[in-house]
Amino acid sequence: MEINEIEKEISKIERTTFGISVPKLRNFAKKIAKENYKKFLDENPKNTFKLKMLHAMVLGYANDDIDILLKYFEEFIPYVDSWAVCDTFCQSFLITRKYPEKVFNMLKKYFKSKKEFESRVVSVMLLSHFLNDKYIEKVFNILDKLDTNDYYSKMGVAWAIATIAGKYPEKCLHYLQNNNLDKATFNKSLQKMRESFRVTKEIKEIIKNYKKN
């Protein structure tokens, strides 16, 4: 399928109050991934929100050698310019669960990035695929040092910490008592924890006394 045909097809996908219909776009992405995902990823101009979302999904559904997919992953990072594209991109890259070490090593080059969405890609990849016993301490260490000068990078770290609080509550409380987060990111993390249905009432009660001045 040529790019102009793909653009015509996604233009037919209905929009919702919150934007394009993601389930329908995912179904279209699965079709492209099965047909010829490389042709699409190589030729996609990535010049609209819909094409970027589709790109993120197709890459997630593509079945190929991990090194090839990581190459496409890195090539797409500069085009990630919104929270929706970022989060779809990261959460769709499920092959990470099969090759965590390779993906983690690739992410290392972005740990010190000062770019807003490169930093958010790291935090969302971590919360989506690396919250397990093997990586949890590494995750804390990385989140503690990520650049959070920009809004969406700050929110990515806060979201990650709130997600950790649901899975590793005691470790998260310990981290919150000993961290290097800036005030805004720390307080936003607490807010996300209070809003999360995954975090217990007991933990929410404890963090009422937490605040960074």
Foldseek 3Di string as FASTA:
>chain_A
DDPVVVVVVQVPQDADPVGGDLVVLLVVLLVCLVPPLVNLLVPQPLPDPSSLLSNLNNLLNHDDDPVVSVVSLVVSQVSPDDPVSLLSNLLSNVCCQVVVVVVVVSLVVLLAPQDQSNLLSVLSNCLRHPLDPVCPVVSLVSLLRHHDPDDNSLLSSLLSLLSSCLVPVVVSVVSLVPGNDDQVSSVSSLVSNCVDPSHDPVSNVVCVPRHDD
